[in-house]
Amino acid sequence: MAVPDACHLEAGAFVNRAKRTNAPSGIAATSVDAIVRRALQSIVLIVCTIAVASCISVKLVEDYDEKIDAGLNDYYEDAAKFIAQMSAYATDGNPAGQYVQNRQYYIDAGAQIDALLLRARANDPNGTCLGNAAGVVQAFLTKILVGSDFPEVAALRTELAQRPPGSCTVQVIYGVKINNGLMEVIHRRNVVISKTLGDILKDTVEQGVRIALTAELAKKRGEDSEGK
């Protein structure tokens, strides 16, 4: 099916915004090295894929789960608040925004996503990701760590490659989990999250959750692969 023009516009707007990104304010320009810039480029690829995928209706075999829907929204709200707070700290030069002061957030967020994964697997223990959805999900997962070649990402890449099979919902939530891990790596590497970096990370989290919610809500509406 044709992808609506609005999806292309959304992806294009984000790419243009990322191209204008300079070194985050409040930190030395050298702290955002070429490796981190490649990580941000990979985020742009993720967002472009998600922006298009969010406009595509798919049919998945498992039933709609209200708790997964609510859990994804809760994760997004927590992440958005966290990023905004970190950016405010960075702007004020407050050391409370440094990564070492905020490790617990990433532990808690990871546990939150793991709980959603457990529930999604329980809903469809023998599920697989098929049809129209499979291509969208695979494109999303393939692009998550593209260009992120620094050592800290090795464990994420291994986890992604060795993830167990599962339904489309399981696979997309796994992508949200890996995205969360990548955000932690970037925070640790940059020490703080500047306003500029925070804006990019917020968009990434928002659209990563959006593709998962799009899949979940498609099940609630009972849409087929053609969006009927």
C-alpha atoms as a PDB file:
ATOM      1  CA  MET A   1       0.000   0.000   0.000  1.00  0.00           C
ATOM      2  CA  ALA A   2       1.149   3.557  -0.642  1.00  0.00           C
ATOM      3  CA  VAL A   3       2.641   5.407   2.298  1.00  0.00           C
ATOM      4  CA  PRO A   4       0.805   8.695   3.035  1.00  0.00           C
ATOM      5  CA  ASP A   5       2.705  11.885   2.209  1.00  0.00           C
ATOM      6  CA  ALA A   6       2.441  12.982   5.846  1.00  0.00           C
ATOM      7  CA  CYS A   7       4.732  10.118   6.828  1.00  0.00           C
ATOM      8  CA  HIS A   8       7.413  11.225   4.388  1.00  0.00           C
ATOM      9  CA  LEU A   9       7.107  14.807   5.610  1.00  0.00           C
ATOM     10  CA  GLU A  10       7.534  13.724   9.216  1.00  0.00           C
ATOM     11  CA  ALA A  11      10.637  11.678   8.448  1.00  0.00           C
ATOM     12  CA  GLY A  12      12.116  14.460   6.323  1.00  0.00           C
ATOM     13  CA  ALA A  13      11.539  17.093   8.992  1.00  0.00           C
ATOM     14  CA  PHE A  14      13.386  15.017  11.553  1.00  0.00           C
ATOM     15  CA  VAL A  15      16.332  14.403   9.246  1.00  0.00           C
ATOM     16  CA  ASN A  16      16.673  18.125   8.536  1.00  0.00           C
ATOM     17  CA  ARG A  17      16.554  18.868  12.244  1.00  0.00           C
ATOM     18  CA  ALA A  18      19.257  16.322  13.005  1.00  0.00           C
ATOM     19  CA  LYS A  19      21.498  17.736  10.275  1.00  0.00           C
ATOM     20  CA  ARG A  20      21.407  21.098  12.027  1.00  0.00           C
ATOM     21  CA  THR A  21      22.470  19.571  15.355  1.00  0.00           C
ATOM     22  CA  ASN A  22      25.715  20.954  16.765  1.00  0.00           C
ATOM     23  CA  ALA A  23      27.653  19.900  19.840  1.00  0.00           C
ATOM     24  CA  PRO A  24      25.286  20.022  22.853  1.00  0.00           C
ATOM     25  CA  SER A  25      25.450  23.253  24.847  1.00  0.00           C
ATOM     26  CA  GLY A  26      26.935  23.072  28.314  1.00  0.00           C
ATOM     27  CA  ILE A  27      29.616  20.546  27.333  1.00  0.00           C
ATOM     28  CA  ALA A  28      32.840  20.805  25.406  1.00  0.00           C
ATOM     29  CA  ALA A  29      32.421  20.253  21.696  1.00  0.00           C
ATOM     30  CA  THR A  30      35.025  17.498  21.804  1.00  0.00           C
ATOM     31  CA  SER A  31      32.784  15.448  24.117  1.00  0.00           C
ATOM     32  CA  VAL A  32      30.507  14.729  21.176  1.00  0.00           C
ATOM     33  CA  ASP A  33      33.027  12.804  19.140  1.00  0.00           C
ATOM     34  CA  ALA A  34      32.622  11.233  15.726  1.00  0.00           C
ATOM     35  CA  ILE A  35      31.413   7.974  17.228  1.00  0.00           C
ATOM     36  CA  VAL A  36      28.558   9.628  19.078  1.00  0.00           C
ATOM     37  CA  ARG A  37      27.660  11.567  15.940  1.00  0.00           C
ATOM     38  CA  ARG A  38      27.373   8.230  14.121  1.00  0.00           C
ATOM     39  CA  ALA A  39      25.102   7.034  16.913  1.00  0.00           C
ATOM     40  CA  LEU A  40      22.865  10.044  16.350  1.00  0.00           C
ATOM     41  CA  GLN A  41      22.851   9.300  12.615  1.00  0.00           C
ATOM     42  CA  SER A  42      21.627   5.795  13.415  1.00  0.00           C
ATOM     43  CA  ILE A  43      18.843   7.345  15.485  1.00  0.00           C
ATOM     44  CA  VAL A  44      17.782   9.334  12.429  1.00  0.00           C
ATOM     45  CA  LEU A  45      17.529   6.082  10.456  1.00  0.00           C
ATOM     46  CA  ILE A  46      15.386   4.562  13.205  1.00  0.00           C
ATOM     47  CA  VAL A  47      13.074   7.543  13.270  1.00  0.00           C
ATOM     48  CA  CYS A  48      12.679   7.569   9.476  1.00  0.00           C
ATOM     49  CA  THR A  49      11.675   3.911   9.548  1.00  0.00           C
ATOM     50  CA  ILE A  50       9.261   4.439  12.434  1.00  0.00           C
ATOM     51  CA  ALA A  51       7.751   7.560  10.913  1.00  0.00           C
ATOM     52  CA  VAL A  52       6.801   5.572   7.823  1.00  0.00           C
ATOM     53  CA  ALA A  53       5.829   2.435   9.748  1.00  0.00           C
ATOM     54  CA  SER A  54       3.508   4.368  12.054  1.00  0.00           C
ATOM     55  CA  CYS A  55       1.323   5.134   9.031  1.00  0.00           C
ATOM     56  CA  ILE A  56       0.915   1.471   8.058  1.00  0.00           C
ATOM     57  CA  SER A  57      -1.900  -0.678   9.424  1.00  0.00           C
ATOM     58  CA  VAL A  58      -1.025  -4.313  10.078  1.00  0.00           C
ATOM     59  CA  LYS A  59      -2.781  -7.432  11.225  1.00  0.00           C
ATOM     60  CA  LEU A  60      -1.237  -9.347  14.122  1.00  0.00           C
ATOM     61  CA  VAL A  61      -2.451 -12.697  15.422  1.00  0.00           C
ATOM     62  CA  GLU A  62      -2.540 -12.029  19.169  1.00  0.00           C
ATOM     63  CA  ASP A  63      -5.316 -10.079  20.878  1.00  0.00           C
ATOM     64  CA  TYR A  64      -5.155  -6.445  21.925  1.00  0.00           C
ATOM     65  CA  ASP A  65      -3.769  -6.042  25.454  1.00  0.00           C
ATOM     66  CA  GLU A  66      -4.834  -2.921  27.330  1.00  0.00           C
ATOM     67  CA  LYS A  67      -2.019  -3.320  29.876  1.00  0.00           C
ATOM     68  CA  ILE A  68       0.650  -3.352  27.163  1.00  0.00           C
ATOM     69  CA  ASP A  69      -0.957  -0.251  25.651  1.00  0.00           C
ATOM     70  CA  ALA A  70      -0.948   1.508  29.043  1.00  0.00           C
ATOM     71  CA  GLY A  71       2.554   0.271  29.868  1.00  0.00           C
ATOM     72  CA  LEU A  72       4.011   1.683  26.661  1.00  0.00           C
ATOM     73  CA  ASN A  73       2.354   5.035  27.353  1.00  0.00           C
ATOM     74  CA  ASP A  74       3.692   5.021  30.919  1.00  0.00           C
ATOM     75  CA  TYR A  75       7.203   4.267  29.674  1.00  0.00           C
ATOM     76  CA  TYR A  76       7.031   7.138  27.196  1.00  0.00           C
ATOM     77  CA  GLU A  77       5.764   9.608  29.809  1.00  0.00           C
ATOM     78  CA  ASP A  78       8.512   8.609  32.262  1.00  0.00           C
ATOM     79  CA  ALA A  79      11.195   8.848  29.563  1.00  0.00           C
ATOM     80  CA  ALA A  80       9.969  12.229  28.318  1.00  0.00           C
ATOM     81  CA  LYS A  81       9.983  13.663  31.849  1.00  0.00           C
ATOM     82  CA  PHE A  82      13.435  12.226  32.507  1.00  0.00           C
ATOM     83  CA  ILE A  83      14.925  13.671  29.320  1.00  0.00           C
ATOM     84  CA  ALA A  84      13.364  17.086  29.991  1.00  0.00           C
ATOM     85  CA  GLN A  85      14.760  17.109  33.520  1.00  0.00           C
ATOM     86  CA  MET A  86      18.223  16.043  32.358  1.00  0.00           C
ATOM     87  CA  SER A  87      18.234  18.786  29.728  1.00  0.00           C
ATOM     88  CA  ALA A  88      17.213  21.394  32.307  1.00  0.00           C
ATOM     89  CA  TYR A  89      20.025  20.271  34.606  1.00  0.00           C
ATOM     90  CA  ALA A  90      22.523  20.483  31.733  1.00  0.00           C
ATOM     91  CA  THR A  91      21.367  24.001  30.843  1.00  0.00           C
ATOM     92  CA  ASP A  92      21.779  25.110  34.479  1.00  0.00           C
ATOM     93  CA  GLY A  93      25.138  23.360  34.881  1.00  0.00           C
ATOM     94  CA  ASN A  94      23.629  21.229  37.640  1.00  0.00           C
ATOM     95  CA  PRO A  95      25.639  18.024  38.243  1.00  0.00           C
ATOM     96  CA  ALA A  96      22.396  16.219  39.113  1.00  0.00           C
ATOM     97  CA  GLY A  97      22.034  15.616  35.376  1.00  0.00           C
ATOM     98  CA  GLN A  98      25.241  13.617  35.063  1.00  0.00           C
ATOM     99  CA  TYR A  99      24.934   9.975  34.082  1.00  0.00           C
ATOM    100  CA  VAL A 100      26.448   8.652  37.305  1.00  0.00           C
ATOM    101  CA  GLN A 101      23.648  10.328  39.247  1.00  0.00           C
ATOM    102  CA  ASN A 102      20.959   8.733  37.100  1.00  0.00           C
ATOM    103  CA  ARG A 103      21.897   5.096  36.580  1.00  0.00           C
ATOM    104  CA  GLN A 104      18.834   3.975  38.514  1.00  0.00           C
ATOM    105  CA  TYR A 105      16.513   5.464  35.911  1.00  0.00           C
ATOM    106  CA  TYR A 106      17.892   3.144  33.234  1.00  0.00           C
ATOM    107  CA  ILE A 107      17.636   0.130  35.552  1.00  0.00           C
ATOM    108  CA  ASP A 108      13.999   0.942  36.311  1.00  0.00           C
ATOM    109  CA  ALA A 109      13.136   1.692  32.670  1.00  0.00           C
ATOM    110  CA  GLY A 110      14.732  -1.574  31.558  1.00  0.00           C
ATOM    111  CA  ALA A 111      12.691  -3.493  34.135  1.00  0.00           C
ATOM    112  CA  GLN A 112       9.540  -1.712  32.958  1.00  0.00           C
ATOM    113  CA  ILE A 113      10.164  -2.790  29.358  1.00  0.00           C
ATOM    114  CA  ASP A 114      11.074  -6.340  30.427  1.00  0.00           C
ATOM    115  CA  ALA A 115       7.695  -6.622  32.177  1.00  0.00           C
ATOM    116  CA  LEU A 116       5.966  -5.644  28.934  1.00  0.00           C
ATOM    117  CA  LEU A 117       8.027  -8.207  27.027  1.00  0.00           C
ATOM    118  CA  LEU A 118       7.051 -10.924  29.506  1.00  0.00           C
ATOM    119  CA  ARG A 119       3.374 -10.083  29.131  1.00  0.00           C
ATOM    120  CA  ALA A 120       3.556  -9.955  25.334  1.00  0.00           C
ATOM    121  CA  ARG A 121       5.234 -13.369  25.227  1.00  0.00           C
ATOM    122  CA  ALA A 122       2.638 -14.827  27.595  1.00  0.00           C
ATOM    123  CA  ASN A 123      -0.160 -13.516  25.368  1.00  0.00           C
ATOM    124  CA  ASP A 124       1.172 -15.415  22.357  1.00  0.00           C
ATOM    125  CA  PRO A 125       3.897 -17.871  23.463  1.00  0.00           C
ATOM    126  CA  ASN A 126       4.239 -19.505  20.038  1.00  0.00           C
ATOM    127  CA  GLY A 127       3.746 -16.345  18.020  1.00  0.00           C
ATOM    128  CA  THR A 128       5.727 -15.242  14.996  1.00  0.00           C
ATOM    129  CA  CYS A 129       5.815 -11.975  13.098  1.00  0.00           C
ATOM    130  CA  LEU A 130       4.338 -12.485   9.630  1.00  0.00           C
ATOM    131  CA  GLY A 131       2.940 -10.642   6.638  1.00  0.00           C
ATOM    132  CA  ASN A 132       3.020  -6.894   6.135  1.00  0.00           C
ATOM    133  CA  ALA A 133       4.096  -6.328   9.717  1.00  0.00           C
ATOM    134  CA  ALA A 134       7.189  -8.523   9.433  1.00  0.00           C
ATOM    135  CA  GLY A 135       8.911  -6.263   6.903  1.00  0.00           C
ATOM    136  CA  VAL A 136       8.202  -3.134   8.939  1.00  0.00           C
ATOM    137  CA  VAL A 137       9.422  -4.700  12.182  1.00  0.00           C
ATOM    138  CA  GLN A 138      12.559  -6.133  10.581  1.00  0.00           C
ATOM    139  CA  ALA A 139      13.441  -2.775   9.015  1.00  0.00           C
ATOM    140  CA  PHE A 140      13.033  -1.108  12.406  1.00  0.00           C
ATOM    141  CA  LEU A 141      15.216  -3.636  14.235  1.00  0.00           C
ATOM    142  CA  THR A 142      17.879  -3.649  11.515  1.00  0.00           C
ATOM    143  CA  LYS A 143      18.408   0.108  11.723  1.00  0.00           C
ATOM    144  CA  ILE A 144      18.573   0.483  15.518  1.00  0.00           C
ATOM    145  CA  LEU A 145      22.334   0.158  15.913  1.00  0.00           C
ATOM    146  CA  VAL A 146      23.509   1.129  12.424  1.00  0.00           C
ATOM    147  CA  GLY A 147      26.580   3.362  12.756  1.00  0.00           C
ATOM    148  CA  SER A 148      26.877   2.763  16.502  1.00  0.00           C
ATOM    149  CA  ASP A 149      30.238   1.034  16.521  1.00  0.00           C
ATOM    150  CA  PHE A 150      31.645   2.080  19.885  1.00  0.00           C
ATOM    151  CA  PRO A 151      32.494  -0.712  22.359  1.00  0.00           C
ATOM    152  CA  GLU A 152      29.589  -0.079  24.747  1.00  0.00           C
ATOM    153  CA  VAL A 153      27.102  -1.033  22.034  1.00  0.00           C
ATOM    154  CA  ALA A 154      28.596  -4.507  21.516  1.00  0.00           C
ATOM    155  CA  ALA A 155      26.412  -6.025  24.235  1.00  0.00           C
ATOM    156  CA  LEU A 156      23.290  -4.419  22.755  1.00  0.00           C
ATOM    157  CA  ARG A 157      24.148  -5.705  19.302  1.00  0.00           C
ATOM    158  CA  THR A 158      24.634  -9.231  20.679  1.00  0.00           C
ATOM    159  CA  GLU A 159      21.347  -9.060  22.587  1.00  0.00           C
ATOM    160  CA  LEU A 160      19.494  -7.890  19.497  1.00  0.00           C
ATOM    161  CA  ALA A 161      21.027 -10.610  17.316  1.00  0.00           C
ATOM    162  CA  GLN A 162      20.259 -13.342  19.864  1.00  0.00           C
ATOM    163  CA  ARG A 163      16.741 -12.244  20.788  1.00  0.00           C
ATOM    164  CA  PRO A 164      14.247 -15.121  20.888  1.00  0.00           C
ATOM    165  CA  PRO A 165      11.514 -15.368  18.258  1.00  0.00           C
ATOM    166  CA  GLY A 166       8.091 -13.976  19.009  1.00  0.00           C
ATOM    167  CA  SER A 167       5.071 -12.070  17.777  1.00  0.00           C
ATOM    168  CA  CYS A 168       5.350  -8.682  16.120  1.00  0.00           C
ATOM    169  CA  THR A 169       4.445  -7.053  19.434  1.00  0.00           C
ATOM    170  CA  VAL A 170       7.288  -8.891  21.166  1.00  0.00           C
ATOM    171  CA  GLN A 171       9.755  -7.917  18.453  1.00  0.00           C
ATOM    172  CA  VAL A 172       8.805  -4.238  18.482  1.00  0.00           C
ATOM    173  CA  ILE A 173       8.990  -4.017  22.289  1.00  0.00           C
ATOM    174  CA  TYR A 174      12.439  -5.575  22.009  1.00  0.00           C
ATOM    175  CA  GLY A 175      13.339  -2.680  19.747  1.00  0.00           C
ATOM    176  CA  VAL A 176      12.114  -0.230  22.404  1.00  0.00           C
ATOM    177  CA  LYS A 177      14.325  -2.041  24.916  1.00  0.00           C
ATOM    178  CA  ILE A 178      17.420  -1.759  22.708  1.00  0.00           C
ATOM    179  CA  ASN A 179      16.640   1.907  22.038  1.00  0.00           C
ATOM    180  CA  ASN A 180      16.535   2.494  25.788  1.00  0.00           C
ATOM    181  CA  GLY A 181      19.943   0.859  26.123  1.00  0.00           C
ATOM    182  CA  LEU A 182      21.350   3.022  23.348  1.00  0.00           C
ATOM    183  CA  MET A 183      20.061   6.147  25.107  1.00  0.00           C
ATOM    184  CA  GLU A 184      21.886   5.058  28.254  1.00  0.00           C
ATOM    185  CA  VAL A 185      25.127   4.573  26.326  1.00  0.00           C
ATOM    186  CA  ILE A 186      24.844   8.045  24.801  1.00  0.00           C
ATOM    187  CA  HIS A 187      24.081   9.604  28.203  1.00  0.00           C
ATOM    188  CA  ARG A 188      27.063   7.852  29.767  1.00  0.00           C
ATOM    189  CA  ARG A 189      29.371   8.826  26.933  1.00  0.00           C
ATOM    190  CA  ASN A 190      28.292  12.500  26.970  1.00  0.00           C
ATOM    191  CA  VAL A 191      28.012  12.703  30.777  1.00  0.00           C
ATOM    192  CA  VAL A 192      24.944  14.967  30.496  1.00  0.00           C
ATOM    193  CA  ILE A 193      21.986  15.329  28.121  1.00  0.00           C
ATOM    194  CA  SER A 194      21.955  18.820  26.635  1.00  0.00           C
ATOM    195  CA  LYS A 195      18.797  20.443  25.287  1.00  0.00           C
ATOM    196  CA  THR A 196      19.840  19.683  21.698  1.00  0.00           C
ATOM    197  CA  LEU A 197      20.658  16.060  22.424  1.00  0.00           C
ATOM    198  CA  GLY A 198      17.560  15.736  24.586  1.00  0.00           C
ATOM    199  CA  ASP A 199      15.299  16.860  21.743  1.00  0.00           C
ATOM    200  CA  ILE A 200      16.699  14.138  19.484  1.00  0.00           C
ATOM    201  CA  LEU A 201      16.434  11.447  22.156  1.00  0.00           C
ATOM    202  CA  LYS A 202      12.858  12.454  23.005  1.00  0.00           C
ATOM    203  CA  ASP A 203      11.832  12.152  19.361  1.00  0.00           C
ATOM    204  CA  THR A 204      13.471   8.736  19.193  1.00  0.00           C
ATOM    205  CA  VAL A 205      11.693   7.455  22.307  1.00  0.00           C
ATOM    206  CA  GLU A 206       8.375   8.920  21.175  1.00  0.00           C
ATOM    207  CA  GLN A 207       8.443   7.362  17.742  1.00  0.00           C
ATOM    208  CA  GLY A 208       9.846   4.053  18.973  1.00  0.00           C
ATOM    209  CA  VAL A 209       6.856   3.726  21.295  1.00  0.00           C
ATOM    210  CA  ARG A 210       4.550   4.916  18.518  1.00  0.00           C
ATOM    211  CA  ILE A 211       5.281   1.964  16.253  1.00  0.00           C
ATOM    212  CA  ALA A 212       4.549  -0.410  19.143  1.00  0.00           C
ATOM    213  CA  LEU A 213       1.313   1.401  19.978  1.00  0.00           C
ATOM    214  CA  THR A 214       0.311   1.455  16.298  1.00  0.00           C
ATOM    215  CA  ALA A 215       0.635  -2.322  16.200  1.00  0.00           C
ATOM    216  CA  GLU A 216      -1.282  -2.746  19.459  1.00  0.00           C
ATOM    217  CA  LEU A 217      -4.122  -0.416  18.472  1.00  0.00           C
ATOM    218  CA  ALA A 218      -4.401  -2.097  15.059  1.00  0.00           C
ATOM    219  CA  LYS A 219      -5.218  -5.302  16.936  1.00  0.00           C
ATOM    220  CA  LYS A 220      -7.867  -3.479  18.968  1.00  0.00           C
ATOM    221  CA  ARG A 221      -9.533  -2.241  15.771  1.00  0.00           C
ATOM    222  CA  GLY A 222      -9.141  -5.625  14.092  1.00  0.00           C
ATOM    223  CA  GLU A 223      -7.517  -4.120  11.021  1.00  0.00           C
ATOM    224  CA  ASP A 224      -6.177  -6.311   8.245  1.00  0.00           C
ATOM    225  CA  SER A 225      -2.887  -5.836   6.414  1.00  0.00           C
ATOM    226  CA  GLU A 226      -4.514  -3.464   3.943  1.00  0.00           C
ATOM    227  CA  GLY A 227      -5.916  -1.243   6.690  1.00  0.00           C
ATOM    228  CA  LYS A 228      -9.575  -2.226   6.002  1.00  0.00           C
END
